[in-house]
Amino acid sequence: MENTARQPIILQVYQSPIGKKLITGVTGLGLAIFVLVHMVGNLLLFAGHDVYNAYAHHLESLGPLLWTVESLLVAVFLIHAIAGIHIFMNKLRARPERYETYTSKGEPSLQSVSSRTMIVTGVVLGTFLGLHLLNFKFGTYYTTQLQGEDVRDLARLVVAKFHNPVYAFSYSGVMLLLGFHLRHGIWSALQSLGLQTQAIRFTVYGLSLGLAIAIATGFIALPLSIYFGFLS
């Protein structure tokens, strides 16, 4: 038997099935908070280009602090993705034959399309993230002036991108998948962390669903509003 006594505690935790779920739960909730904040930031474009550009410039002016946060987010994302893939692979090894139908274990089942497609939506979101960074963070650098200072005109780039129907609708589709991923992910994370009881199980499930819908709707509102001419 492999001696794990000398291994770092975090590695020992990761090697257990419960440990992997705890890690995906913690990292998943952290990423959910990030996407919520990011969604709210996106909606600032409805307040005007100057407001949105001022927000983006403020973040950019944080310099090393922003780079540290971005590096931390990348690390959290990678840990979440790797742990999620390992959990999925372990499930395949434990149950190589897929069931034709899903049945409850005697109580109301909370299985859904979102819970059964977590690995699929996760892979799509990971691929999208790379493309999204290339198109926006490292995309065309337009400039404008705010209070006499030259700053990046990120609002112009966003509007230009979402006037393209391919990008507007593909982005909206991926954000719909994000909603599916969050619907199960948030509830599952709270369950893994022991933050819900049987008495509030369905309440937490409903709140997780509501938050997932709100985040997905918030993200989808921007590209569709730009494409259909409600926002320019």
Protein backbone atom coordinates (compact mmCIF):
# COMPACT_ATOMS: atom_id res chain seq x y z
CA MET A 1 0.00 0.00 0.00
CA GLU A 2 1.27 3.45 -0.91
CA ASN A 3 2.47 5.45 2.08
CA THR A 4 0.65 8.80 2.03
CA ALA A 5 1.87 9.99 5.44
CA ARG A 6 4.70 11.99 3.92
CA GLN A 7 2.59 13.56 1.22
CA PRO A 8 1.39 17.16 1.58
CA ILE A 9 -2.05 17.40 3.19
CA ILE A 10 -3.55 19.05 0.10
CA LEU A 11 -2.39 16.11 -2.03
CA GLN A 12 -3.84 13.60 0.43
CA VAL A 13 -7.15 15.47 0.33
CA TYR A 14 -7.13 15.58 -3.47
CA GLN A 15 -6.53 11.83 -3.78
CA SER A 16 -9.79 11.00 -2.00
CA PRO A 17 -13.15 11.17 -3.83
CA ILE A 18 -14.60 13.42 -1.10
CA GLY A 19 -11.52 15.63 -1.26
CA LYS A 20 -11.93 16.13 -5.01
CA LYS A 21 -15.57 17.13 -4.49
CA LEU A 22 -14.56 19.60 -1.78
CA ILE A 23 -11.93 21.11 -4.05
CA THR A 24 -14.32 21.42 -6.99
CA GLY A 25 -16.90 22.90 -4.61
CA VAL A 26 -14.60 25.59 -3.20
CA THR A 27 -13.07 26.50 -6.55
CA GLY A 28 -16.47 26.37 -8.25
CA LEU A 29 -18.02 28.80 -5.79
CA GLY A 30 -15.03 31.10 -6.20
CA LEU A 31 -15.45 31.07 -9.98
CA ALA A 32 -19.22 31.60 -9.63
CA ILE A 33 -18.57 34.75 -7.58
CA PHE A 34 -16.13 35.94 -10.23
CA VAL A 35 -18.58 35.45 -13.12
CA LEU A 36 -21.27 37.28 -11.13
CA VAL A 37 -18.96 40.27 -10.61
CA HIS A 38 -17.86 40.11 -14.24
CA MET A 39 -21.48 40.07 -15.40
CA VAL A 40 -22.31 43.15 -13.33
CA GLY A 41 -19.26 44.90 -14.80
CA ASN A 42 -20.44 44.06 -18.31
CA LEU A 43 -23.82 45.62 -17.63
CA LEU A 44 -22.13 48.96 -16.98
CA LEU A 45 -22.02 49.40 -20.75
CA PHE A 46 -25.76 50.11 -20.55
CA ALA A 47 -24.81 53.22 -18.54
CA GLY A 48 -22.67 54.52 -21.42
CA HIS A 49 -19.28 54.06 -23.05
CA ASP A 50 -17.53 56.44 -20.68
CA VAL A 51 -18.80 54.62 -17.59
CA TYR A 52 -17.74 51.25 -19.00
CA ASN A 53 -14.34 52.50 -20.13
CA ALA A 54 -13.74 54.18 -16.77
CA TYR A 55 -14.48 50.88 -15.02
CA ALA A 56 -12.12 48.98 -17.35
CA HIS A 57 -9.41 51.63 -16.93
CA HIS A 58 -9.74 51.47 -13.15
CA LEU A 59 -9.14 47.73 -13.22
CA GLU A 60 -6.20 48.15 -15.57
CA SER A 61 -4.67 50.81 -13.32
CA LEU A 62 -4.46 48.30 -10.45
CA GLY A 63 -1.38 46.93 -12.16
CA PRO A 64 0.39 44.21 -10.11
CA LEU A 65 -2.70 43.66 -7.96
CA LEU A 66 -4.79 42.91 -11.05
CA TRP A 67 -2.11 40.58 -12.42
CA THR A 68 -2.04 38.73 -9.10
CA VAL A 69 -5.81 38.32 -9.08
CA GLU A 70 -5.79 37.17 -12.72
CA SER A 71 -3.05 34.63 -11.99
CA LEU A 72 -5.03 33.35 -9.01
CA LEU A 73 -8.15 33.02 -11.15
CA VAL A 74 -6.24 31.03 -13.76
CA ALA A 75 -4.91 28.72 -11.05
CA VAL A 76 -8.38 28.26 -9.53
CA PHE A 77 -9.85 27.56 -12.96
CA LEU A 78 -7.19 24.94 -13.76
CA ILE A 79 -7.59 23.22 -10.39
CA HIS A 80 -11.37 23.18 -10.83
CA ALA A 81 -11.09 21.79 -14.36
CA ILE A 82 -8.54 19.10 -13.50
CA ALA A 83 -10.46 17.94 -10.43
CA GLY A 84 -13.71 17.90 -12.40
CA ILE A 85 -12.16 15.80 -15.17
CA HIS A 86 -10.74 13.36 -12.61
CA ILE A 87 -14.15 12.98 -10.95
CA PHE A 88 -15.74 12.33 -14.35
CA MET A 89 -13.08 9.75 -15.29
CA ASN A 90 -13.47 7.99 -11.94
CA LYS A 91 -17.21 7.76 -12.51
CA LEU A 92 -16.63 6.20 -15.93
CA ARG A 93 -14.26 3.64 -14.46
CA ALA A 94 -16.68 2.85 -11.63
CA ARG A 95 -19.65 2.51 -13.98
CA PRO A 96 -18.41 1.72 -17.52
CA GLU A 97 -21.89 0.85 -18.79
CA ARG A 98 -24.10 3.89 -19.12
CA TYR A 99 -27.70 3.51 -18.04
CA GLU A 100 -30.39 3.92 -20.65
CA THR A 101 -32.54 5.76 -18.12
CA TYR A 102 -31.96 7.56 -14.84
CA THR A 103 -34.07 6.61 -11.83
CA SER A 104 -34.51 8.05 -8.37
CA LYS A 105 -33.32 6.22 -5.26
CA GLY A 106 -36.72 6.43 -3.62
CA GLU A 107 -36.96 10.17 -3.04
CA PRO A 108 -37.54 13.11 -5.37
CA SER A 109 -34.61 13.18 -7.80
CA LEU A 110 -32.70 16.37 -8.50
CA GLN A 111 -31.01 14.98 -11.57
CA SER A 112 -31.37 17.22 -14.59
CA VAL A 113 -29.86 17.92 -17.98
CA SER A 114 -27.41 20.29 -16.31
CA SER A 115 -26.22 17.67 -13.80
CA ARG A 116 -25.71 15.07 -16.54
CA THR A 117 -23.78 17.37 -18.89
CA MET A 118 -21.36 19.06 -16.48
CA ILE A 119 -18.29 17.69 -18.25
CA VAL A 120 -19.62 18.80 -21.66
CA THR A 121 -20.54 22.32 -20.59
CA GLY A 122 -17.26 22.56 -18.67
CA VAL A 123 -15.18 21.71 -21.75
CA VAL A 124 -17.14 24.19 -23.88
CA LEU A 125 -16.69 26.93 -21.27
CA GLY A 126 -12.97 26.24 -21.00
CA THR A 127 -12.53 26.48 -24.77
CA PHE A 128 -14.64 29.62 -24.89
CA LEU A 129 -12.55 31.26 -22.17
CA GLY A 130 -9.40 31.05 -24.27
CA LEU A 131 -11.16 32.53 -27.32
CA HIS A 132 -12.82 35.21 -25.19
CA LEU A 133 -9.49 36.39 -23.81
CA LEU A 134 -7.99 36.53 -27.30
CA ASN A 135 -10.92 38.59 -28.59
CA PHE A 136 -11.26 41.05 -25.71
CA LYS A 137 -8.37 41.20 -23.25
CA PHE A 138 -5.83 40.78 -26.07
CA GLY A 139 -8.06 42.13 -28.82
CA THR A 140 -7.77 45.36 -30.81
CA TYR A 141 -6.61 48.25 -28.63
CA TYR A 142 -8.77 51.25 -29.52
CA THR A 143 -8.17 54.45 -27.56
CA THR A 144 -10.39 57.26 -26.34
CA GLN A 145 -10.12 60.13 -23.87
CA LEU A 146 -11.52 60.30 -20.36
CA GLN A 147 -10.98 63.56 -18.51
CA GLY A 148 -8.10 64.41 -20.81
CA GLU A 149 -6.37 61.04 -20.41
CA ASP A 150 -5.88 58.49 -23.17
CA VAL A 151 -7.45 55.17 -22.14
CA ARG A 152 -8.45 51.98 -23.89
CA ASP A 153 -11.81 52.20 -25.63
CA LEU A 154 -12.96 48.72 -24.63
CA ALA A 155 -16.60 49.70 -25.18
CA ARG A 156 -15.91 50.26 -28.88
CA LEU A 157 -14.35 46.80 -29.16
CA VAL A 158 -17.30 45.14 -27.39
CA VAL A 159 -19.84 46.88 -29.64
CA ALA A 160 -17.86 45.98 -32.76
CA LYS A 161 -17.62 42.32 -31.76
CA PHE A 162 -21.30 41.96 -30.94
CA HIS A 163 -22.39 43.53 -34.20
CA ASN A 164 -21.05 40.34 -35.74
CA PRO A 165 -23.92 37.81 -35.69
CA VAL A 166 -21.57 34.83 -35.38
CA TYR A 167 -19.96 36.19 -32.25
CA ALA A 168 -23.15 37.65 -30.77
CA PHE A 169 -25.13 34.41 -31.03
CA SER A 170 -22.28 32.02 -30.25
CA TYR A 171 -21.47 34.07 -27.14
CA SER A 172 -25.14 33.98 -26.12
CA GLY A 173 -25.24 30.22 -26.66
CA VAL A 174 -22.18 29.65 -24.50
CA MET A 175 -23.65 31.85 -21.77
CA LEU A 176 -26.75 29.68 -21.86
CA LEU A 177 -24.49 26.68 -21.26
CA LEU A 178 -22.86 28.62 -18.42
CA GLY A 179 -26.30 28.88 -16.85
CA PHE A 180 -26.74 25.11 -17.12
CA HIS A 181 -23.31 24.55 -15.58
CA LEU A 182 -24.00 26.94 -12.70
CA ARG A 183 -27.46 25.52 -12.09
CA HIS A 184 -26.04 22.21 -10.91
CA GLY A 185 -22.59 23.45 -9.91
CA ILE A 186 -23.66 25.92 -7.24
CA TRP A 187 -26.11 23.51 -5.62
CA SER A 188 -23.65 20.62 -5.75
CA ALA A 189 -20.86 22.76 -4.27
CA LEU A 190 -23.01 23.82 -1.32
CA GLN A 191 -23.99 20.21 -0.79
CA SER A 192 -20.36 18.99 -0.88
CA LEU A 193 -19.34 21.68 1.61
CA GLY A 194 -22.15 20.68 3.98
CA LEU A 195 -23.81 24.09 3.75
CA GLN A 196 -27.32 22.74 3.29
CA THR A 197 -29.57 20.44 5.26
CA GLN A 198 -32.37 18.16 4.14
CA ALA A 199 -34.92 20.72 5.34
CA ILE A 200 -33.61 23.45 3.03
CA ARG A 201 -32.44 21.21 0.21
CA PHE A 202 -35.07 22.24 -2.30
CA THR A 203 -34.87 25.90 -1.25
CA VAL A 204 -31.12 25.93 -1.93
CA TYR A 205 -31.74 24.17 -5.24
CA GLY A 206 -34.26 26.84 -6.22
CA LEU A 207 -31.92 29.66 -5.22
CA SER A 208 -29.09 28.07 -7.20
CA LEU A 209 -31.37 27.83 -10.22
CA GLY A 210 -32.44 31.47 -9.82
CA LEU A 211 -28.85 32.70 -9.55
CA ALA A 212 -27.81 30.67 -12.59
CA ILE A 213 -30.66 32.14 -14.63
CA ALA A 214 -29.84 35.68 -13.47
CA ILE A 215 -26.15 35.35 -14.41
CA ALA A 216 -26.85 33.80 -17.80
CA THR A 217 -29.52 36.41 -18.58
CA GLY A 218 -27.20 39.23 -17.55
CA PHE A 219 -24.47 38.01 -19.88
CA ILE A 220 -26.84 37.37 -22.80
CA ALA A 221 -28.52 40.77 -22.49
CA LEU A 222 -25.43 42.67 -23.68
CA PRO A 223 -24.66 40.95 -27.01
CA LEU A 224 -28.30 40.72 -28.05
CA SER A 225 -28.99 44.36 -27.13
CA ILE A 226 -26.02 45.45 -29.24
CA TYR A 227 -26.82 43.20 -32.18
CA PHE A 228 -30.46 44.21 -32.37
CA GLY A 229 -29.63 47.91 -32.02
CA PHE A 230 -30.96 48.60 -28.53
CA LEU A 231 -27.45 49.53 -27.40
CA SER A 232 -24.74 51.18 -29.45
